[in-house]
Every structure is written in structure tokens, then in C-alpha cells.
């Protein structure tokens, strides 16, 4: 059944930005997703005609987020060659694609023009003759990173002179005199959503005896104003899950500073990396790893379940309320544009959502508990036997099944995306990894989960809701391949739901 639906949808998924539904609203989609067309455009726009120093070698369009009736944010990553040095350096272009050119100019006047005085004499803008503008025939307004109309304080958060002073005042090692910070290198750690950016600062300085010293910290610039709330959440988490206060401890990053004028939250770096993704990819693709390294995957999945159980049993009362009804209402809202613009996809999603609602109505809900709200392996950091958790913007009060279903949905989607065509990953192996996570959680939570079968039934339903979100988000981001994989997993889980009833 899955194969027939995906075959029917193949023409839509193969080139999603050029679907008639999108082109009717944003006709320039066809051109802005053409790498060569946009490479030539940015060559002419960013650099003076006739100059020979800078050449745009390539242009990669991406990170679009379709917002019906509004401007569509997207990015272009350019590779620019500097003939004076022989080096190639990346340039990130923020762009907003509008349905009409007047809206593009209005966006520039309202959000970008007020920032122009702040870029004077900034070194990163010196190569460009015009670091922001509007391409009239495409109704596209563009600006060079870190000039971003929806995150205006990103300019200040990346200003070397300003931030060096801030770091020397707020970083504990600088306050104690262990390091004097002289400068830093910037790395966009996460820069895709249109109101938020995460920056990795590689601080460079010297110690008391003059020796070079480096330090890494992270900054999150959030124009939605969540920073102050996140500070409270992180402090509560550190108080609750410190080594001496919890039976299962894990690292929570320390807040080093919150600067409301910059919408900037500065945090320490949690040692380690999100290893589950790499190990899962290696397992699915049959890459031969040393036995000890390969077995780490099971250990990290178990640790993830322990962290989820610790979260849910903490008793913390932070975050907004996310009941089953709230989740359904949100899905119905974001499903509407899919049904209007690509009805061939929307009809299946609406039917699957109805089935999930029906299944959810037949199983009693659990009491709400403190939950992460976006519990995936990408938020879990491992270093040796130590685990850490990051990104707390989504903490909430929800059923335990919200986090559990989210984790399983992402794990299944990753396995589906990484499937080698010649030797697919066995379905029973997928089930073993998913069952390992859920059974570990159940074992850890026996003291307060009264009914295992009830929990499993709620997790099946919430997993469907998470997969629905993944499908719709892939659609919003115009990612046909990811959309294909998410639909395949979602329909498979719908079939399992039918068998379980």
C-alpha cells in the first residue's frame, strides 16, 4: 500500500518547488531554486561590474520555509573565490521571497534599512558593493549574513569589538583572570529558522602568563524573547539534575550571561557530540565499526530513555500546556495549507490524522508531566559515559508519550532516509532499536507508570502525531526526499496501528 501511494505522489515529490500550487503563489520559485541562475545574479549584485578579485564559484539555494500569504524565508550559500589570496570563503545570503515586489520593498524598508548604519566599517561587509537589496523581477529581498531583518540583534551579537568587551565581563574564566579574551572566530552552529540563530564562538585570548588560550561558548539569539524564560528553565534543571541531587544525572549547560538588549543567551559548551545519529547511520548502512564502538548505539539509546524518565518524574511545573487536544489543533492548523496547495498530499494526511484522533480517543490520557517538548537524539550529547541535554526552548507540561513518540519518530525517519537501496535495513532491526528505547523507559518508570499497555498505546498515537509534523515540516521546507521518507514511515505506522486495534 505504501509503495502505491508513493508512486502516485512521485511527480509531486520529485520537484516540489515547481508544483503548480506553489508557483501560483510564488512564481519565482522555479528561478530562485536554480543554482546557476542565482549564482550569476549574486555575482552581479554583490560585486562591482568589471572587478576581477571576487568570483562566485557556486550557489546553493535552500532552507526555504513556505509561509502561505506571507514572505517565504530562504537562504543561499555562496562559495566566493578571492583571487588576491587564492582562498574560497562561504557567504550566507538571507532572502525573503514575496508574492509581489511591493511586499519585498516594504520588507526591506521596515526591517533592513534601519540596520544599515550598524554595518558601517564592519569588515565582513567590505567586499560587497551592495550587501542588501531587492531583485525586482523575482520579488526577492536579500541581505548578507549577519544582516537579518527578523533577527536584528544578530548584528550586535557578531560585532567583534562589542562582544569581546561583553565576554571579558561575563565569562567566568575572564572574570577570574584565567583568560583575557582578545577576539573570537564565529561559526553559525544553527541558522535555519527565521527568528533564531545559534552561534559558536571560538574565543581567543591569553592567560596570566601571556600564553595563548582558547575557549568555546555558544550564543543563542532569539528575537521571539524566549531567552529570559530559558534562563529560568536551565537553572531549575541544573538544580534538579545535578550529580548530588538526582539518581540519574546528566549535563545541562550553564548559563554564562543573558543580555536582553541583544536577545542573546550565552551558554557553556557541553562536552561531546550527538553521537546517536552517526552510529545509527553506520548501523543502517552496514558500515563495519569496531564491536565496542558499534555497541555504543544501544547504550546511548538506553541513556536517552533514562534521561526521558528523569525528566518526566522530576515534578517540575515549567512550560506551557500541550495536551492531546492542543497537539491535534496545531496539526489541523498547519495541515490546512497542505490541503489547499497540494491536495494530492493533503487528502492522505487528513485521513491519517482522523485515524490518529480516533485511536487517541479510545485510550485514556496520562497525567501531564514536565517534558522536553522536542526530545530527539540531536538534543542528546554524549562524551564517554557522560550524557548531556541541550535546547530547552520547548519545555512543556505534556503526557510522557509526547517525548517518547517524538524520539521514536525521528529514529524511524533517520533509518528510512539512510536505507541503502541494495541492502535495506531489516524491519525487525528497526523494531529492536525502537523497543530498546521504550522498554528501557518503561523499566525505569515502573514506580509511576501504572499501566504499560496504556502507555504503549498512547506512544503509538503520539508517534503518529510527530510523524505528521515531520511530514508537514518537510513540505513547508520543500524537501521532497525527506517528505518521501516521512510519508513512507507514517503510512507504515498507520498500518501497525490498525493491526494493534
Protein backbone atom coordinates (compact mmCIF):
# COMPACT_ATOMS: atom_id res chain seq x y z
CA UNK A 1 0.00 0.00 0.00
CA UNK A 2 2.83 2.41 0.89
CA UNK A 3 4.51 1.82 -2.43
CA UNK A 4 1.37 2.61 -4.45
CA UNK A 5 0.75 5.91 -2.64
CA UNK A 6 4.37 6.99 -3.01
CA UNK A 7 4.29 6.06 -6.67
CA UNK A 8 1.21 8.24 -7.11
CA UNK A 9 2.95 11.12 -5.34
CA UNK A 10 6.30 10.72 -7.12
CA UNK A 11 5.68 13.56 -9.65
CA UNK A 12 4.91 15.94 -6.77
CA UNK A 13 7.79 14.90 -4.52
CA UNK A 14 10.45 14.87 -7.25
CA UNK A 15 10.37 18.65 -7.79
CA UNK A 16 8.22 20.09 -5.04
CA UNK A 17 9.11 23.81 -5.50
CA UNK A 18 7.83 23.67 -9.08
CA UNK A 19 4.43 22.29 -8.14
CA UNK A 20 1.66 24.42 -9.64
CA UNK A 21 0.24 25.15 -6.19
CA UNK A 22 3.47 26.83 -5.08
CA UNK A 23 4.15 28.57 -8.41
CA UNK A 24 0.67 30.12 -8.38
CA UNK A 25 1.55 31.85 -5.12
CA UNK A 26 5.27 32.49 -5.60
CA UNK A 27 6.01 32.35 -9.35
CA UNK A 28 9.74 32.93 -8.84
CA UNK A 29 10.24 29.58 -7.11
CA UNK A 30 11.44 28.00 -10.35
CA UNK A 31 14.25 30.55 -10.76
CA UNK A 32 15.35 31.00 -7.14
CA UNK A 33 15.95 27.26 -6.79
CA UNK A 34 18.15 27.24 -9.90
CA UNK A 35 21.76 27.33 -8.61
CA UNK A 36 23.32 28.69 -11.79
CA UNK A 37 20.71 31.40 -12.29
CA UNK A 38 21.20 32.66 -8.74
CA UNK A 39 25.00 32.34 -8.89
CA UNK A 40 25.05 34.76 -11.83
CA UNK A 41 22.60 37.11 -10.12
CA UNK A 42 24.61 37.37 -6.91
CA UNK A 43 27.85 37.83 -8.84
CA UNK A 44 26.37 40.95 -10.45
CA UNK A 45 24.61 42.20 -7.33
CA UNK A 46 27.28 41.77 -4.68
CA UNK A 47 30.39 42.79 -6.59
CA UNK A 48 31.19 45.78 -8.79
CA UNK A 49 30.96 45.18 -12.56
CA UNK A 50 34.35 44.61 -14.10
CA UNK A 51 36.14 43.78 -10.86
CA UNK A 52 38.24 40.61 -11.05
CA UNK A 53 39.06 39.94 -7.42
CA UNK A 54 35.88 38.15 -6.25
CA UNK A 55 34.18 35.35 -8.17
CA UNK A 56 31.08 33.48 -7.03
CA UNK A 57 32.10 29.89 -7.74
CA UNK A 58 28.84 28.26 -6.70
CA UNK A 59 25.45 28.97 -5.18
CA UNK A 60 23.36 26.54 -3.15
CA UNK A 61 19.72 27.56 -2.55
CA UNK A 62 17.97 26.06 0.45
CA UNK A 63 16.41 26.35 3.90
CA UNK A 64 13.18 27.72 2.50
CA UNK A 65 10.14 27.84 4.77
CA UNK A 66 6.87 28.28 2.92
CA UNK A 67 4.52 30.60 4.80
CA UNK A 68 1.26 30.99 2.86
CA UNK A 69 0.18 34.57 2.35
CA UNK A 70 3.46 35.85 3.73
CA UNK A 71 7.10 36.23 2.73
CA UNK A 72 8.96 32.93 2.33
CA UNK A 73 12.34 32.96 4.15
CA UNK A 74 15.20 31.11 2.48
CA UNK A 75 18.98 31.12 2.29
CA UNK A 76 21.67 30.88 -0.34
CA UNK A 77 25.17 29.66 0.50
CA UNK A 78 27.76 31.07 -1.89
CA UNK A 79 31.34 29.93 -2.32
CA UNK A 80 33.36 33.01 -3.27
CA UNK A 81 36.94 32.92 -4.55
CA UNK A 82 39.28 35.75 -3.61
CA UNK A 83 41.94 35.96 -6.34
CA UNK A 84 44.16 38.13 -4.11
CA UNK A 85 44.58 35.34 -1.56
CA UNK A 86 43.57 32.29 -3.59
CA UNK A 87 41.12 31.32 -0.85
CA UNK A 88 37.46 30.36 -1.18
CA UNK A 89 35.18 31.58 1.58
CA UNK A 90 31.47 30.95 2.24
CA UNK A 91 28.90 33.74 2.14
CA UNK A 92 25.43 33.15 3.57
CA UNK A 93 22.65 35.18 1.97
CA UNK A 94 19.39 35.69 3.84
CA UNK A 95 16.46 36.09 1.49
CA UNK A 96 12.74 36.65 1.69
CA UNK A 97 10.69 35.69 -1.35
CA UNK A 98 7.45 37.66 -1.64
CA UNK A 99 4.34 37.12 -3.77
CA UNK A 100 4.62 40.72 -5.02
CA UNK A 101 7.59 43.03 -5.49
CA UNK A 102 5.91 45.77 -3.43
CA UNK A 103 5.95 43.46 -0.42
CA UNK A 104 9.66 42.79 -0.91
CA UNK A 105 10.41 46.52 -0.91
CA UNK A 106 8.16 47.04 2.10
CA UNK A 107 10.08 44.32 3.97
CA UNK A 108 13.37 45.99 3.11
CA UNK A 109 12.19 49.42 4.26
CA UNK A 110 10.74 48.12 7.53
CA UNK A 111 13.31 45.53 8.61
CA UNK A 112 16.60 46.02 6.77
CA UNK A 113 17.09 49.73 6.06
CA UNK A 114 17.11 50.64 9.79
CA UNK A 115 20.08 48.28 10.24
CA UNK A 116 22.25 49.84 7.53
CA UNK A 117 24.07 52.30 9.86
CA UNK A 118 25.19 49.36 12.01
CA UNK A 119 27.14 47.71 9.20
CA UNK A 120 29.41 50.69 8.54
CA UNK A 121 33.08 49.72 8.79
CA UNK A 122 32.22 46.10 9.60
CA UNK A 123 34.96 44.01 7.98
CA UNK A 124 32.69 41.19 6.83
CA UNK A 125 30.71 43.60 4.62
CA UNK A 126 33.68 45.34 2.96
CA UNK A 127 33.92 43.03 -0.09
CA UNK A 128 30.34 43.74 -1.15
CA UNK A 129 29.21 46.76 -3.11
CA UNK A 130 25.56 46.27 -2.05
CA UNK A 131 25.11 43.86 0.92
CA UNK A 132 21.33 44.15 0.76
CA UNK A 133 18.71 44.86 -1.87
CA UNK A 134 15.65 43.73 -3.81
CA UNK A 135 15.67 41.72 -7.04
CA UNK A 136 12.54 43.17 -8.59
CA UNK A 137 11.75 40.55 -11.22
CA UNK A 138 11.95 37.81 -8.56
CA UNK A 139 10.27 39.79 -5.75
CA UNK A 140 13.25 38.72 -3.63
CA UNK A 141 14.82 40.82 -0.88
CA UNK A 142 18.31 39.71 0.17
CA UNK A 143 20.95 40.57 2.76
CA UNK A 144 24.41 39.23 3.60
CA UNK A 145 24.78 37.39 6.94
CA UNK A 146 24.71 38.55 9.73
CA UNK A 147 22.33 41.20 8.40
CA UNK A 148 18.94 39.65 9.13
CA UNK A 149 15.70 41.62 9.30
CA UNK A 150 13.95 39.09 11.53
CA UNK A 151 16.88 38.76 13.94
CA UNK A 152 18.07 42.38 14.06
CA UNK A 153 20.32 41.97 17.12
CA UNK A 154 22.35 39.31 15.30
CA UNK A 155 24.48 42.22 14.02
CA UNK A 156 25.42 43.22 17.56
CA UNK A 157 25.89 39.62 18.70
CA UNK A 158 28.52 39.17 15.96
CA UNK A 159 30.23 42.56 16.42
CA UNK A 160 33.85 41.77 17.43
CA UNK A 161 34.54 44.97 19.38
CA UNK A 162 31.28 44.86 21.30
CA UNK A 163 31.29 41.14 22.06
CA UNK A 164 34.92 40.99 23.22
CA UNK A 165 34.07 43.51 25.94
CA UNK A 166 30.93 41.55 26.88
CA UNK A 167 32.80 38.25 27.08
CA UNK A 168 35.52 39.74 29.28
CA UNK A 169 32.82 40.98 31.66
CA UNK A 170 30.68 37.84 31.77
CA UNK A 171 32.73 34.70 31.07
CA UNK A 172 33.75 33.19 34.47
CA UNK A 173 37.29 32.40 33.29
CA UNK A 174 37.71 36.04 32.24
CA UNK A 175 36.20 37.35 35.48
CA UNK A 176 38.70 35.28 37.49
CA UNK A 177 41.62 36.44 35.36
CA UNK A 178 42.40 32.98 33.95
CA UNK A 179 41.95 34.35 30.44
CA UNK A 180 41.83 37.74 28.79
CA UNK A 181 39.77 37.49 25.62
CA UNK A 182 41.30 39.31 22.65
CA UNK A 183 38.99 38.17 19.85
CA UNK A 184 36.97 35.28 18.51
CA UNK A 185 36.03 33.30 15.43
CA UNK A 186 32.36 32.91 14.54
CA UNK A 187 30.71 29.73 13.32
CA UNK A 188 26.95 29.59 12.63
CA UNK A 189 26.07 26.45 14.62
CA UNK A 190 22.40 26.50 13.68
CA UNK A 191 20.97 29.09 11.35
CA UNK A 192 17.83 27.96 9.61
CA UNK A 193 14.77 29.16 11.47
CA UNK A 194 13.70 32.70 10.83
CA UNK A 195 13.63 34.08 14.40
CA UNK A 196 16.53 32.24 15.95
CA UNK A 197 20.23 31.68 15.40
CA UNK A 198 22.82 29.70 17.37
CA UNK A 199 26.42 30.89 17.17
CA UNK A 200 29.56 29.03 18.18
CA UNK A 201 32.14 31.50 19.50
CA UNK A 202 35.74 30.27 19.48
CA UNK A 203 37.21 32.73 21.94
CA UNK A 204 40.89 33.53 21.57
CA UNK A 205 42.93 35.17 24.28
CA UNK A 206 45.85 34.78 26.65
CA UNK A 207 46.38 33.55 30.19
CA UNK A 208 48.05 35.41 33.06
CA UNK A 209 51.49 34.38 31.85
CA UNK A 210 50.74 35.52 28.31
CA UNK A 211 50.28 32.09 26.77
CA UNK A 212 47.61 31.71 24.06
CA UNK A 213 44.37 30.26 25.35
CA UNK A 214 41.10 29.29 23.66
CA UNK A 215 37.58 28.73 24.90
CA UNK A 216 34.35 27.72 23.17
CA UNK A 217 30.95 29.10 24.18
CA UNK A 218 27.57 29.17 22.46
CA UNK A 219 25.22 32.07 21.93
CA UNK A 220 21.55 31.86 21.04
CA UNK A 221 19.96 34.96 19.54
CA UNK A 222 16.18 34.68 19.77
CA UNK A 223 14.05 37.60 18.64
CA UNK A 224 10.90 35.92 20.00
CA UNK A 225 12.01 36.84 23.52
CA UNK A 226 12.31 33.33 24.98
CA UNK A 227 15.76 33.92 26.44
CA UNK A 228 14.67 35.02 29.91
CA UNK A 229 12.36 32.02 30.24
CA UNK A 230 15.13 29.67 29.10
CA UNK A 231 17.42 31.03 31.83
CA UNK A 232 14.84 30.06 34.47
CA UNK A 233 14.35 26.62 32.94
CA UNK A 234 18.07 25.86 32.78
CA UNK A 235 18.60 26.91 36.39
CA UNK A 236 15.74 24.69 37.54
CA UNK A 237 17.16 21.79 35.55
CA UNK A 238 20.65 22.23 36.97
CA UNK A 239 19.20 22.37 40.48
CA UNK A 240 17.16 19.20 39.86
CA UNK A 241 19.58 17.05 37.88
CA UNK A 242 22.91 17.92 39.46
CA UNK A 243 25.07 14.93 40.32
CA UNK A 244 24.30 15.06 44.04
CA UNK A 245 20.57 15.72 43.57
CA UNK A 246 19.42 13.07 41.10
CA UNK A 247 19.69 9.30 40.84
CA UNK A 248 20.40 9.76 37.13
CA UNK A 249 22.45 12.87 36.40
CA UNK A 250 23.26 14.38 33.04
CA UNK A 251 24.96 17.53 31.91
CA UNK A 252 22.91 20.72 31.50
CA UNK A 253 24.81 23.70 30.03
CA UNK A 254 25.50 26.56 32.41
CA UNK A 255 24.14 29.97 31.51
CA UNK A 256 27.06 32.40 31.36
CA UNK A 257 25.06 35.52 30.52
CA UNK A 258 21.70 36.72 29.31
CA UNK A 259 21.75 40.06 27.51
CA UNK A 260 18.15 41.17 26.91
CA UNK A 261 19.20 44.18 24.80
CA UNK A 262 20.76 41.74 22.33
CA UNK A 263 18.22 38.93 22.79
CA UNK A 264 21.36 36.88 23.44
CA UNK A 265 21.76 33.89 25.74
CA UNK A 266 25.38 32.81 26.25
CA UNK A 267 25.99 29.24 27.45
CA UNK A 268 28.93 26.99 28.10
CA UNK A 269 29.70 24.27 25.58
CA UNK A 270 28.60 20.80 26.67
CA UNK A 271 31.45 18.40 26.03
CA UNK A 272 30.69 15.74 23.44
CA UNK A 273 28.53 15.43 20.35
CA UNK A 274 25.17 13.92 19.28
CA UNK A 275 26.69 10.50 18.52
CA UNK A 276 23.46 8.56 18.03
CA UNK A 277 22.96 9.98 14.53
CA UNK A 278 26.39 8.85 13.29
CA UNK A 279 26.15 5.41 14.89
CA UNK A 280 22.62 4.88 13.60
CA UNK A 281 23.68 5.85 10.08
CA UNK A 282 26.65 3.45 10.26
CA UNK A 283 24.42 0.62 11.51
CA UNK A 284 21.81 1.14 8.78
CA UNK A 285 24.40 1.32 6.01
CA UNK A 286 26.26 -1.75 7.24
CA UNK A 287 29.49 0.14 7.86
CA UNK A 288 31.89 -2.03 9.80
CA UNK A 289 32.74 -0.43 13.12
CA UNK A 290 34.78 -1.97 15.94
CA UNK A 291 32.42 -4.09 18.05
CA UNK A 292 32.77 -1.85 21.11
CA UNK A 293 32.02 1.25 19.01
CA UNK A 294 29.02 -0.37 17.34
CA UNK A 295 27.54 -1.47 20.67
CA UNK A 296 27.66 2.13 21.90
CA UNK A 297 24.46 2.74 19.91
CA UNK A 298 22.41 0.54 22.23
CA UNK A 299 23.99 2.15 25.27
CA UNK A 300 23.24 5.67 24.06
CA UNK A 301 19.64 4.74 23.25
CA UNK A 302 19.24 3.38 26.79
CA UNK A 303 20.76 6.56 28.22
CA UNK A 304 18.25 8.58 26.20
CA UNK A 305 15.41 6.62 27.78
CA UNK A 306 16.88 7.21 31.26
CA UNK A 307 17.03 10.96 30.60
CA UNK A 308 13.40 11.00 29.40
CA UNK A 309 12.30 9.13 32.52
CA UNK A 310 14.24 11.52 34.77
CA UNK A 311 12.62 14.50 33.06
CA UNK A 312 9.12 13.11 33.37
CA UNK A 313 9.46 12.14 37.04
CA UNK A 314 11.08 15.42 38.14
CA UNK A 315 7.86 17.12 39.23
CA UNK A 316 8.90 20.45 37.66
CA UNK A 317 5.95 22.64 36.66
CA UNK A 318 7.60 24.73 33.94
CA UNK A 319 6.46 25.28 30.38
CA UNK A 320 3.21 25.69 28.50
CA UNK A 321 0.42 23.11 28.45
CA UNK A 322 0.46 20.67 25.50
CA UNK A 323 -2.46 18.28 25.80
CA UNK A 324 -3.51 15.82 23.11
CA UNK A 325 -6.21 18.31 22.04
CA UNK A 326 -3.63 21.11 21.73
CA UNK A 327 -1.45 18.91 19.52
CA UNK A 328 -4.38 17.98 17.28
CA UNK A 329 -5.46 21.62 16.94
CA UNK A 330 -1.95 22.66 15.89
CA UNK A 331 -1.72 19.86 13.33
CA UNK A 332 -5.09 20.77 11.85
CA UNK A 333 -3.94 24.37 11.53
CA UNK A 334 -0.68 23.62 9.71
CA UNK A 335 -2.33 20.90 7.60
CA UNK A 336 -4.71 23.44 6.02
CA UNK A 337 -2.18 24.95 3.55
CA UNK A 338 -1.03 21.46 2.50
CA UNK A 339 -4.60 20.54 1.61
CA UNK A 340 -5.11 23.74 -0.39
CA UNK A 341 -1.80 23.83 -2.28
CA UNK A 342 -1.03 20.13 -2.75
CA UNK A 343 -4.39 18.35 -2.29
CA UNK A 344 -2.90 15.09 -3.58
CA UNK A 345 -0.77 15.01 -0.39
CA UNK A 346 -3.29 16.67 1.90
CA UNK A 347 -6.02 14.08 1.31
CA UNK A 348 -3.84 11.29 2.70
CA UNK A 349 -2.63 13.35 5.66
CA UNK A 350 -6.17 14.34 6.61
CA UNK A 351 -7.26 10.70 6.57
CA UNK A 352 -4.29 9.60 8.68
CA UNK A 353 -4.88 12.40 11.16
CA UNK A 354 -8.51 11.29 11.55
CA UNK A 355 -7.31 7.78 12.31
CA UNK A 356 -4.85 9.07 14.90
CA UNK A 357 -7.58 11.16 16.55
CA UNK A 358 -9.86 8.13 16.69
CA UNK A 359 -7.13 5.96 18.20
CA UNK A 360 -6.31 8.66 20.74
CA UNK A 361 -9.93 8.90 21.84
CA UNK A 362 -10.01 5.19 22.64
CA UNK A 363 -7.09 5.19 25.09
CA UNK A 364 -7.17 7.21 28.34
CA UNK A 365 -4.66 10.04 28.54
CA UNK A 366 -1.85 10.13 31.12
CA UNK A 367 -1.42 12.99 33.60
CA UNK A 368 0.75 15.79 32.28
CA UNK A 369 4.40 15.79 33.33
CA UNK A 370 7.42 18.01 32.80
CA UNK A 371 8.58 17.27 29.25
CA UNK A 372 11.30 18.41 26.87
CA UNK A 373 8.87 19.00 24.01
CA UNK A 374 11.39 18.24 21.23
CA UNK A 375 13.08 15.13 22.56
CA UNK A 376 15.25 13.78 19.75
CA UNK A 377 18.74 12.30 19.63
CA UNK A 378 20.01 15.57 18.11
CA UNK A 379 19.48 17.22 21.53
CA UNK A 380 21.40 14.48 23.38
CA UNK A 381 25.16 14.96 23.73
CA UNK A 382 27.49 12.10 24.67
CA UNK A 383 31.13 12.08 25.75
CA UNK A 384 32.40 8.76 27.01
CA UNK A 385 29.90 7.60 29.63
CA UNK A 386 28.62 11.12 30.26
CA UNK A 387 25.41 12.37 28.68
CA UNK A 388 24.16 15.90 28.25
CA UNK A 389 20.94 17.54 27.08
CA UNK A 390 20.57 20.85 25.25
CA UNK A 391 17.92 23.15 23.74
CA UNK A 392 15.17 23.90 26.23
CA UNK A 393 13.01 26.35 24.30
CA UNK A 394 10.23 23.77 24.01
CA UNK A 395 9.88 22.54 27.61
CA UNK A 396 6.25 21.97 28.46
CA UNK A 397 3.68 20.07 30.50
CA UNK A 398 2.58 17.10 28.41
CA UNK A 399 1.88 13.39 28.50
CA UNK A 400 5.06 11.29 28.66
CA UNK A 401 4.10 9.89 25.25
CA UNK A 402 4.84 13.26 23.60
CA UNK A 403 8.60 12.95 24.16
CA UNK A 404 8.65 9.19 23.63
CA UNK A 405 6.74 9.38 20.36
CA UNK A 406 8.98 12.20 19.14
CA UNK A 407 12.15 10.22 19.81
CA UNK A 408 10.82 7.11 18.05
CA UNK A 409 9.52 9.12 15.07
CA UNK A 410 12.92 10.71 14.47
CA UNK A 411 14.70 7.38 14.89
CA UNK A 412 12.44 5.66 12.36
CA UNK A 413 12.76 8.55 9.90
CA UNK A 414 16.55 8.50 10.11
CA UNK A 415 16.59 4.77 9.41
CA UNK A 416 14.24 5.25 6.45
CA UNK A 417 16.31 8.09 4.97
CA UNK A 418 19.58 6.16 5.30
CA UNK A 419 18.25 2.95 3.73
CA UNK A 420 20.80 1.63 1.21
CA UNK A 421 18.87 0.67 -1.95
CA UNK A 422 20.73 -2.59 -2.49
CA UNK A 423 20.55 -3.91 1.09
CA UNK A 424 17.65 -2.36 3.04
CA UNK A 425 17.87 -2.32 6.82
CA UNK A 426 15.74 -5.21 8.15
CA UNK A 427 12.39 -4.04 9.61
CA UNK A 428 12.89 -6.26 12.63
CA UNK A 429 16.18 -4.46 13.38
CA UNK A 430 14.34 -1.14 13.36
CA UNK A 431 11.77 -2.54 15.77
CA UNK A 432 14.51 -3.84 18.08
CA UNK A 433 16.09 -0.39 18.37
CA UNK A 434 12.75 1.29 18.97
CA UNK A 435 11.70 -1.33 21.51
CA UNK A 436 15.03 -0.93 23.32
CA UNK A 437 14.26 2.74 23.93
CA UNK A 438 10.65 2.20 25.01
CA UNK A 439 11.23 -0.87 27.18
CA UNK A 440 14.14 0.83 28.95
CA UNK A 441 11.91 3.82 29.69
CA UNK A 442 9.13 1.56 31.00
CA UNK A 443 11.53 -0.35 33.24
CA UNK A 444 12.89 2.92 34.62
CA UNK A 445 9.39 4.30 35.23
CA UNK A 446 7.59 1.33 36.80
CA UNK A 447 7.15 3.22 40.03
CA UNK A 448 4.81 5.79 38.50
CA UNK A 449 3.58 4.32 35.17
CA UNK A 450 0.62 2.21 36.34
CA UNK A 451 -0.29 0.59 33.02
CA UNK A 452 2.38 -0.42 30.50
CA UNK A 453 -0.09 -1.29 27.75
CA UNK A 454 -1.86 2.04 28.14
CA UNK A 455 1.47 3.84 27.78
CA UNK A 456 2.42 1.85 24.69
CA UNK A 457 -0.94 2.67 23.10
CA UNK A 458 -0.52 6.40 23.82
CA UNK A 459 3.04 6.32 22.44
CA UNK A 460 1.78 4.77 19.17
CA UNK A 461 -0.68 7.65 18.78
CA UNK A 462 1.80 10.39 19.67
CA UNK A 463 4.36 8.84 17.34
CA UNK A 464 1.84 9.33 14.53
CA UNK A 465 1.38 12.97 15.52
CA UNK A 466 5.16 13.51 15.48
CA UNK A 467 5.40 11.89 12.06
CA UNK A 468 2.57 14.11 10.83
CA UNK A 469 4.58 17.15 11.96
CA UNK A 470 7.68 15.81 10.25
CA UNK A 471 5.76 15.34 7.01
CA UNK A 472 4.27 18.84 7.12
CA UNK A 473 7.59 20.44 8.08
CA UNK A 474 9.29 18.69 5.16
CA UNK A 475 6.52 20.03 2.93
CA UNK A 476 6.95 23.56 4.31
CA UNK A 477 10.68 23.35 3.66
CA UNK A 478 10.12 21.99 0.13
CA UNK A 479 12.28 18.93 0.84
CA UNK A 480 10.90 16.29 -1.49
CA UNK A 481 13.26 13.47 -0.49
CA UNK A 482 12.64 13.98 3.23
CA UNK A 483 8.91 14.24 2.57
CA UNK A 484 9.01 10.94 0.66
CA UNK A 485 10.78 9.21 3.56
CA UNK A 486 8.48 10.68 6.22
CA UNK A 487 5.34 9.63 4.33
CA UNK A 488 6.71 6.11 3.95
CA UNK A 489 7.30 5.84 7.70
CA UNK A 490 3.96 7.44 8.57
CA UNK A 491 1.93 5.08 6.44
CA UNK A 492 3.81 2.11 7.83
CA UNK A 493 2.96 3.19 11.36
CA UNK A 494 -0.69 3.69 10.39
CA UNK A 495 -0.77 0.05 9.24
CA UNK A 496 0.74 -1.03 12.58
CA UNK A 497 -1.89 0.99 14.41
CA UNK A 498 -4.65 -0.83 12.55
CA UNK A 499 -3.13 -4.18 13.48
CA UNK A 500 -2.86 -3.17 17.14
CA UNK A 501 -6.53 -2.20 17.42
